[in-house]
Structure formats: C-alpha cells, structure tokens
PDB file of all heavy atoms in Angstrom:
ATOM      1  N   PHE A   1      44.852  66.606 137.901  1.00  0.00           N
ATOM      2  CA  PHE A   1      45.747  66.388 139.030  1.00  0.00           C
ATOM      3  C   PHE A   1      46.719  67.567 139.191  1.00  0.00           C
ATOM      4  O   PHE A   1      46.941  68.041 140.308  1.00  0.00           O
ATOM      5  CB  PHE A   1      46.547  65.103 138.829  1.00  0.00           C
ATOM      6  CG  PHE A   1      47.640  64.910 139.843  1.00  0.00           C
ATOM      7  CD1 PHE A   1      47.337  64.496 141.124  1.00  0.00           C
ATOM      8  CD2 PHE A   1      48.963  65.170 139.517  1.00  0.00           C
ATOM      9  CE1 PHE A   1      48.348  64.314 142.073  1.00  0.00           C
ATOM     10  CE2 PHE A   1      49.978  65.005 140.448  1.00  0.00           C
ATOM     11  CZ  PHE A   1      49.658  64.574 141.731  1.00  0.00           C
ATOM     12  N   VAL A   2      47.281  68.043 138.103  1.00  0.00           N
ATOM     13  CA  VAL A   2      48.259  69.144 138.183  1.00  0.00           C
ATOM     14  C   VAL A   2      47.572  70.415 138.673  1.00  0.00           C
ATOM     15  O   VAL A   2      48.099  71.117 139.524  1.00  0.00           O
ATOM     16  CB  VAL A   2      48.894  69.369 136.788  1.00  0.00           C
ATOM     17  CG1 VAL A   2      49.798  70.614 136.837  1.00  0.00           C
ATOM     18  CG2 VAL A   2      49.681  68.150 136.357  1.00  0.00           C
ATOM     19  N   LEU A   3      46.368  70.712 138.137  1.00  0.00           N
ATOM     20  CA  LEU A   3      45.657  71.901 138.562  1.00  0.00           C
ATOM     21  C   LEU A   3      45.317  71.841 140.056  1.00  0.00           C
ATOM     22  O   LEU A   3      45.423  72.817 140.784  1.00  0.00           O
ATOM     23  CB  LEU A   3      44.388  72.080 137.731  1.00  0.00           C
ATOM     24  CG  LEU A   3      44.593  72.377 136.240  1.00  0.00           C
ATOM     25  CD1 LEU A   3      43.225  72.563 135.557  1.00  0.00           C
ATOM     26  CD2 LEU A   3      45.444  73.597 136.025  1.00  0.00           C
ATOM     27  N   GLY A   4      44.926  70.644 140.506  1.00  0.00           N
ATOM     28  CA  GLY A   4      44.600  70.489 141.926  1.00  0.00           C
ATOM     29  C   GLY A   4      45.808  70.652 142.802  1.00  0.00           C
ATOM     30  O   GLY A   4      45.749  71.287 143.860  1.00  0.00           O
ATOM     31  N   LEU A   5      46.951  70.085 142.366  1.00  0.00           N
ATOM     32  CA  LEU A   5      48.165  70.162 143.147  1.00  0.00           C
ATOM     33  C   LEU A   5      48.669  71.608 143.255  1.00  0.00           C
ATOM     34  O   LEU A   5      49.001  72.077 144.350  1.00  0.00           O
ATOM     35  CB  LEU A   5      49.250  69.297 142.509  1.00  0.00           C
ATOM     36  CG  LEU A   5      50.643  69.338 143.147  1.00  0.00           C
ATOM     37  CD1 LEU A   5      50.581  68.896 144.597  1.00  0.00           C
ATOM     38  CD2 LEU A   5      51.617  68.485 142.355  1.00  0.00           C
ATOM     39  N   VAL A   6      48.695  72.304 142.141  1.00  0.00           N
ATOM     40  CA  VAL A   6      49.188  73.694 142.166  1.00  0.00           C
ATOM     41  C   VAL A   6      48.177  74.591 142.884  1.00  0.00           C
ATOM     42  O   VAL A   6      48.579  75.552 143.562  1.00  0.00           O
ATOM     43  CB  VAL A   6      49.465  74.200 140.729  1.00  0.00           C
ATOM     44  CG1 VAL A   6      50.004  75.630 140.759  1.00  0.00           C
ATOM     45  CG2 VAL A   6      50.447  73.281 140.031  1.00  0.00           C
ATOM     46  N   SER A   7      46.874  74.290 142.772  1.00  0.00           N
ATOM     47  CA  SER A   7      45.881  75.058 143.531  1.00  0.00           C
ATOM     48  C   SER A   7      46.132  74.908 145.027  1.00  0.00           C
ATOM     49  O   SER A   7      46.062  75.882 145.795  1.00  0.00           O
ATOM     50  CB  SER A   7      44.466  74.593 143.175  1.00  0.00           C
ATOM     51  OG  SER A   7      44.126  74.900 141.835  1.00  0.00           O
ATOM     52  N   ARG A   8      46.430  73.672 145.459  1.00  0.00           N
ATOM     53  CA  ARG A   8      46.716  73.458 146.866  1.00  0.00           C
ATOM     54  C   ARG A   8      47.971  74.211 147.283  1.00  0.00           C
ATOM     55  O   ARG A   8      48.023  74.809 148.372  1.00  0.00           O
ATOM     56  CB  ARG A   8      46.896  71.955 147.131  1.00  0.00           C
ATOM     57  CG  ARG A   8      47.294  71.618 148.563  1.00  0.00           C
ATOM     58  CD  ARG A   8      46.954  70.179 148.887  1.00  0.00           C
ATOM     59  NE  ARG A   8      47.677  69.247 148.051  1.00  0.00           N
ATOM     60  CZ  ARG A   8      48.873  68.722 148.379  1.00  0.00           C
ATOM     61  NH1 ARG A   8      49.458  69.074 149.509  1.00  0.00           N
ATOM     62  NH2 ARG A   8      49.447  67.845 147.585  1.00  0.00           N
ATOM     63  N   ALA A   9      48.975  74.237 146.410  1.00  0.00           N
ATOM     64  CA  ALA A   9      50.202  74.970 146.718  1.00  0.00           C
ATOM     65  C   ALA A   9      49.929  76.469 146.858  1.00  0.00           C
ATOM     66  O   ALA A   9      50.462  77.137 147.755  1.00  0.00           O
ATOM     67  CB  ALA A   9      51.246  74.720 145.631  1.00  0.00           C
ATOM     68  N   MET A  10      49.056  77.002 146.006  1.00  0.00           N
ATOM     69  CA  MET A  10      48.737  78.432 146.073  1.00  0.00           C
ATOM     70  C   MET A  10      47.925  78.735 147.327  1.00  0.00           C
ATOM     71  O   MET A  10      48.098  79.818 147.939  1.00  0.00           O
ATOM     72  CB  MET A  10      47.976  78.869 144.818  1.00  0.00           C
ATOM     73  CG  MET A  10      48.848  78.894 143.565  1.00  0.00           C
ATOM     74  SD  MET A  10      48.028  79.711 142.158  1.00  0.00           S
ATOM     75  CE  MET A  10      46.680  78.583 141.834  1.00  0.00           C
ATOM     76  N   ILE A  11      47.031  77.840 147.712  1.00  0.00           N
ATOM     77  CA  ILE A  11      46.257  78.061 148.943  1.00  0.00           C
ATOM     78  C   ILE A  11      47.194  78.050 150.145  1.00  0.00           C
ATOM     79  O   ILE A  11      47.048  78.881 151.069  1.00  0.00           O
ATOM     80  CB  ILE A  11      45.176  76.977 149.080  1.00  0.00           C
ATOM     81  CG1 ILE A  11      44.099  77.165 147.988  1.00  0.00           C
ATOM     82  CG2 ILE A  11      44.506  77.033 150.472  1.00  0.00           C
ATOM     83  CD1 ILE A  11      43.100  76.042 147.914  1.00  0.00           C
ATOM     84  N   MET A  12      48.145  77.108 150.151  1.00  0.00           N
ATOM     85  CA  MET A  12      49.155  77.130 151.214  1.00  0.00           C
ATOM     86  C   MET A  12      49.978  78.410 151.147  1.00  0.00           C
ATOM     87  O   MET A  12      50.427  78.937 152.174  1.00  0.00           O
ATOM     88  CB  MET A  12      50.063  75.926 151.074  1.00  0.00           C
ATOM     89  CG  MET A  12      49.390  74.581 151.313  1.00  0.00           C
ATOM     90  SD  MET A  12      48.720  74.407 153.007  1.00  0.00           S
ATOM     91  CE  MET A  12      46.982  74.670 152.668  1.00  0.00           C
ATOM     92  N   GLY A  13      50.147  78.946 149.929  1.00  0.00           N
ATOM     93  CA  GLY A  13      50.856  80.225 149.778  1.00  0.00           C
ATOM     94  C   GLY A  13      50.104  81.372 150.428  1.00  0.00           C
ATOM     95  O   GLY A  13      50.726  82.260 151.029  1.00  0.00           O
ATOM     96  N   ILE A  14      48.783  81.365 150.324  1.00  0.00           N
ATOM     97  CA  ILE A  14      47.971  82.398 150.998  1.00  0.00           C
ATOM     98  C   ILE A  14      48.141  82.296 152.509  1.00  0.00           C
ATOM     99  O   ILE A  14      48.311  83.306 153.203  1.00  0.00           O
ATOM    100  CB  ILE A  14      46.482  82.260 150.597  1.00  0.00           C
ATOM    101  CG1 ILE A  14      46.318  82.494 149.105  1.00  0.00           C
ATOM    102  CG2 ILE A  14      45.629  83.244 151.398  1.00  0.00           C
ATOM    103  CD1 ILE A  14      44.923  82.200 148.590  1.00  0.00           C
ATOM    104  N   ALA A  15      48.079  81.060 153.030  1.00  0.00           N
ATOM    105  CA  ALA A  15      48.266  80.864 154.463  1.00  0.00           C
ATOM    106  C   ALA A  15      49.665  81.284 154.901  1.00  0.00           C
ATOM    107  O   ALA A  15      49.831  81.917 155.960  1.00  0.00           O
ATOM    108  CB  ALA A  15      48.018  79.398 154.821  1.00  0.00           C
ATOM    109  N   ALA A  16      50.686  80.945 154.108  1.00  0.00           N
ATOM    110  CA  ALA A  16      52.050  81.332 154.436  1.00  0.00           C
ATOM    111  C   ALA A  16      52.245  82.855 154.378  1.00  0.00           C
ATOM    112  O   ALA A  16      52.951  83.446 155.194  1.00  0.00           O
ATOM    113  CB  ALA A  16      53.036  80.629 153.497  1.00  0.00           C
ATOM    114  N   LEU A  17      51.580  83.492 153.409  1.00  0.00           N
ATOM    115  CA  LEU A  17      51.600  84.959 153.330  1.00  0.00           C
ATOM    116  C   LEU A  17      51.080  85.591 154.619  1.00  0.00           C
ATOM    117  O   LEU A  17      51.679  86.521 155.148  1.00  0.00           O
ATOM    118  CB  LEU A  17      50.730  85.409 152.165  1.00  0.00           C
ATOM    119  CG  LEU A  17      51.356  85.660 150.803  1.00  0.00           C
ATOM    120  CD1 LEU A  17      50.276  86.073 149.817  1.00  0.00           C
ATOM    121  CD2 LEU A  17      52.433  86.726 150.862  1.00  0.00           C
ATOM    122  N   SER A  18      49.956  85.068 155.097  1.00  0.00           N
ATOM    123  CA  SER A  18      49.369  85.603 156.313  1.00  0.00           C
ATOM    124  C   SER A  18      50.291  85.427 157.518  1.00  0.00           C
ATOM    125  O   SER A  18      50.410  86.317 158.367  1.00  0.00           O
ATOM    126  CB  SER A  18      48.020  84.926 156.581  1.00  0.00           C
ATOM    127  OG  SER A  18      48.177  83.556 156.936  1.00  0.00           O
ATOM    128  N   LEU A  19      51.012  84.306 157.567  1.00  0.00           N
ATOM    129  CA  LEU A  19      51.949  84.081 158.662  1.00  0.00           C
ATOM    130  C   LEU A  19      53.169  84.999 158.529  1.00  0.00           C
ATOM    131  O   LEU A  19      53.709  85.461 159.537  1.00  0.00           O
ATOM    132  CB  LEU A  19      52.370  82.614 158.691  1.00  0.00           C
ATOM    133  CG  LEU A  19      53.389  82.238 159.789  1.00  0.00           C
ATOM    134  CD1 LEU A  19      52.819  82.518 161.179  1.00  0.00           C
ATOM    135  CD2 LEU A  19      53.790  80.784 159.679  1.00  0.00           C
ATOM    136  N   ASP A  20      53.606  85.250 157.308  1.00  0.00           N
ATOM    137  CA  ASP A  20      54.786  86.085 157.103  1.00  0.00           C
ATOM    138  C   ASP A  20      54.557  87.504 157.610  1.00  0.00           C
ATOM    139  O   ASP A  20      55.497  88.179 158.029  1.00  0.00           O
ATOM    140  CB  ASP A  20      55.158  86.112 155.609  1.00  0.00           C
ATOM    141  CG  ASP A  20      56.571  86.637 155.369  1.00  0.00           C
ATOM    142  OD1 ASP A  20      57.397  86.571 156.323  1.00  0.00           O
ATOM    143  OD2 ASP A  20      56.833  87.145 154.276  1.00  0.00           O
ATOM    144  N   LEU A  21      53.310  87.960 157.562  1.00  0.00           N
ATOM    145  CA  LEU A  21      53.007  89.314 158.080  1.00  0.00           C
ATOM    146  C   LEU A  21      53.379  89.434 159.534  1.00  0.00           C
ATOM    147  O   LEU A  21      53.996  90.419 159.959  1.00  0.00           O
ATOM    148  CB  LEU A  21      51.526  89.631 157.862  1.00  0.00           C
ATOM    149  CG  LEU A  21      51.050  90.955 158.460  1.00  0.00           C
ATOM    150  CD1 LEU A  21      51.724  92.131 157.755  1.00  0.00           C
ATOM    151  CD2 LEU A  21      49.543  91.083 158.387  1.00  0.00           C
ATOM    152  N   ILE A  22      53.017  88.439 160.332  1.00  0.00           N
ATOM    153  CA  ILE A  22      53.287  88.515 161.782  1.00  0.00           C
ATOM    154  C   ILE A  22      54.644  87.939 162.156  1.00  0.00           C
ATOM    155  O   ILE A  22      55.262  88.377 163.123  1.00  0.00           O
ATOM    156  CB  ILE A  22      52.179  87.827 162.594  1.00  0.00           C
ATOM    157  CG1 ILE A  22      52.047  86.341 162.251  1.00  0.00           C
ATOM    158  CG2 ILE A  22      50.859  88.552 162.390  1.00  0.00           C
ATOM    159  CD1 ILE A  22      51.077  85.594 163.127  1.00  0.00           C
ATOM    160  N   LEU A  23      55.147  86.995 161.371  1.00  0.00           N
ATOM    161  CA  LEU A  23      56.425  86.356 161.675  1.00  0.00           C
ATOM    162  C   LEU A  23      57.581  87.165 161.100  1.00  0.00           C
ATOM    163  O   LEU A  23      58.546  87.505 161.810  1.00  0.00           O
ATOM    164  CB  LEU A  23      56.476  84.930 161.141  1.00  0.00           C
ATOM    165  CG  LEU A  23      57.766  84.148 161.299  1.00  0.00           C
ATOM    166  CD1 LEU A  23      58.151  84.049 162.770  1.00  0.00           C
ATOM    167  CD2 LEU A  23      57.663  82.762 160.685  1.00  0.00           C
ATOM    168  N   GLY A  24      57.516  87.493 159.823  1.00  0.00           N
ATOM    169  CA  GLY A  24      58.617  88.190 159.168  1.00  0.00           C
ATOM    170  C   GLY A  24      58.696  89.660 159.504  1.00  0.00           C
ATOM    171  O   GLY A  24      59.802  90.223 159.549  1.00  0.00           O
ATOM    172  N   TYR A  25      57.548  90.295 159.758  1.00  0.00           N
ATOM    173  CA  TYR A  25      57.535  91.731 160.022  1.00  0.00           C
ATOM    174  C   TYR A  25      57.250  92.073 161.479  1.00  0.00           C
ATOM    175  O   TYR A  25      57.506  93.205 161.898  1.00  0.00           O
ATOM    176  CB  TYR A  25      56.508  92.430 159.127  1.00  0.00           C
ATOM    177  CG  TYR A  25      56.860  92.327 157.678  1.00  0.00           C
ATOM    178  CD1 TYR A  25      56.330  91.309 156.872  1.00  0.00           C
ATOM    179  CD2 TYR A  25      57.728  93.230 157.073  1.00  0.00           C
ATOM    180  CE1 TYR A  25      56.643  91.207 155.512  1.00  0.00           C
ATOM    181  CE2 TYR A  25      58.058  93.144 155.716  1.00  0.00           C
ATOM    182  CZ  TYR A  25      57.516  92.132 154.949  1.00  0.00           C
ATOM    183  OH  TYR A  25      57.834  92.025 153.635  1.00  0.00           O
ATOM    184  N   GLY A  26      56.701  91.117 162.229  1.00  0.00           N
ATOM    185  CA  GLY A  26      56.369  91.400 163.626  1.00  0.00           C
ATOM    186  C   GLY A  26      57.071  90.496 164.629  1.00  0.00           C
ATOM    187  O   GLY A  26      56.867  90.675 165.826  1.00  0.00           O
ATOM    188  N   ALA A  27      57.860  89.546 164.147  1.00  0.00           N
ATOM    189  CA  ALA A  27      58.590  88.607 165.009  1.00  0.00           C
ATOM    190  C   ALA A  27      57.660  87.855 165.954  1.00  0.00           C
ATOM    191  O   ALA A  27      58.018  87.589 167.095  1.00  0.00           O
ATOM    192  CB  ALA A  27      59.676  89.344 165.831  1.00  0.00           C
ATOM    193  N   MET A  28      56.463  87.514 165.468  1.00  0.00           N
ATOM    194  CA  MET A  28      55.503  86.754 166.275  1.00  0.00           C
ATOM    195  C   MET A  28      55.455  85.320 165.735  1.00  0.00           C
ATOM    196  O   MET A  28      54.874  85.057 164.688  1.00  0.00           O
ATOM    197  CB  MET A  28      54.122  87.417 166.216  1.00  0.00           C
ATOM    198  CG  MET A  28      54.026  88.754 166.901  1.00  0.00           C
ATOM    199  SD  MET A  28      52.405  89.545 166.676  1.00  0.00           S
ATOM    200  CE  MET A  28      52.696  90.499 165.171  1.00  0.00           C
ATOM    201  N   VAL A  29      56.095  84.410 166.459  1.00  0.00           N
ATOM    202  CA  VAL A  29      56.166  83.014 166.039  1.00  0.00           C
ATOM    203  C   VAL A  29      54.914  82.287 166.566  1.00  0.00           C
ATOM    204  O   VAL A  29      54.831  81.968 167.747  1.00  0.00           O
ATOM    205  CB  VAL A  29      57.445  82.357 166.571  1.00  0.00           C
ATOM    206  CG1 VAL A  29      57.551  80.910 166.044  1.00  0.00           C
ATOM    207  CG2 VAL A  29      58.669  83.149 166.199  1.00  0.00           C
ATOM    208  N   SER A  30      53.991  82.037 165.677  1.00  0.00           N
ATOM    209  CA  SER A  30      52.735  81.405 166.069  1.00  0.00           C
ATOM    210  C   SER A  30      52.720  79.920 165.717  1.00  0.00           C
ATOM    211  O   SER A  30      52.869  79.575 164.534  1.00  0.00           O
ATOM    212  CB  SER A  30      51.553  82.101 165.375  1.00  0.00           C
ATOM    213  OG  SER A  30      50.341  81.412 165.605  1.00  0.00           O
ATOM    214  N   PHE A  31      52.560  79.076 166.731  1.00  0.00           N
ATOM    215  CA  PHE A  31      52.441  77.643 166.503  1.00  0.00           C
ATOM    216  C   PHE A  31      50.975  77.218 166.536  1.00  0.00           C
ATOM    217  O   PHE A  31      50.693  76.007 166.643  1.00  0.00           O
ATOM    218  CB  PHE A  31      53.258  76.856 167.532  1.00  0.00           C
ATOM    219  CG  PHE A  31      54.491  76.250 166.945  1.00  0.00           C
ATOM    220  CD1 PHE A  31      55.715  76.884 167.081  1.00  0.00           C
ATOM    221  CD2 PHE A  31      54.450  75.046 166.274  1.00  0.00           C
ATOM    222  CE1 PHE A  31      56.872  76.352 166.548  1.00  0.00           C
ATOM    223  CE2 PHE A  31      55.580  74.507 165.718  1.00  0.00           C
ATOM    224  CZ  PHE A  31      56.808  75.151 165.862  1.00  0.00           C
ATOM    225  N   GLY A  32      50.079  78.165 166.414  1.00  0.00           N
ATOM    226  CA  GLY A  32      48.658  77.840 166.355  1.00  0.00           C
ATOM    227  C   GLY A  32      48.004  78.420 165.123  1.00  0.00           C
ATOM    228  O   GLY A  32      46.784  78.545 165.058  1.00  0.00           O
ATOM    229  N   HIS A  33      48.834  78.780 164.131  1.00  0.00           N
ATOM    230  CA  HIS A  33      48.303  79.475 162.947  1.00  0.00           C
ATOM    231  C   HIS A  33      47.361  78.593 162.132  1.00  0.00           C
ATOM    232  O   HIS A  33      46.470  79.086 161.470  1.00  0.00           O
ATOM    233  CB  HIS A  33      49.451  79.963 162.082  1.00  0.00           C
ATOM    234  CG  HIS A  33      49.093  81.126 161.229  1.00  0.00           C
ATOM    235  ND1 HIS A  33      48.825  82.388 161.742  1.00  0.00           N
ATOM    236  CD2 HIS A  33      48.941  81.248 159.880  1.00  0.00           C
ATOM    237  CE1 HIS A  33      48.536  83.221 160.759  1.00  0.00           C
ATOM    238  NE2 HIS A  33      48.584  82.553 159.614  1.00  0.00           N
ATOM    239  N   ALA A  34      47.566  77.281 162.177  1.00  0.00           N
ATOM    240  CA  ALA A  34      46.711  76.385 161.413  1.00  0.00           C
ATOM    241  C   ALA A  34      45.270  76.415 161.905  1.00  0.00           C
ATOM    242  O   ALA A  34      44.361  76.000 161.167  1.00  0.00           O
ATOM    243  CB  ALA A  34      47.247  74.968 161.475  1.00  0.00           C
TER     244      ALA A  34
END
C-alpha cells in the first residue's frame, strides 16, 4: 500500500513538473493539462 501510494505521488509529481515548465516559467495557465 505504501509503495503504491508514494508511486502515485511521484507520478503526479512528473505531471506537476511538466505543468511547472509552462506555468512557472512561461505563465501559461492550462486547465486542460490532464
């Protein structure tokens, strides 16, 4: 359970990383990133 939960958190981290590239550095607020 713990490995699955933290794996999910890291996968969400990859998705958040990708959004930070355009949001944090490009000011592109995407509401369709999912």
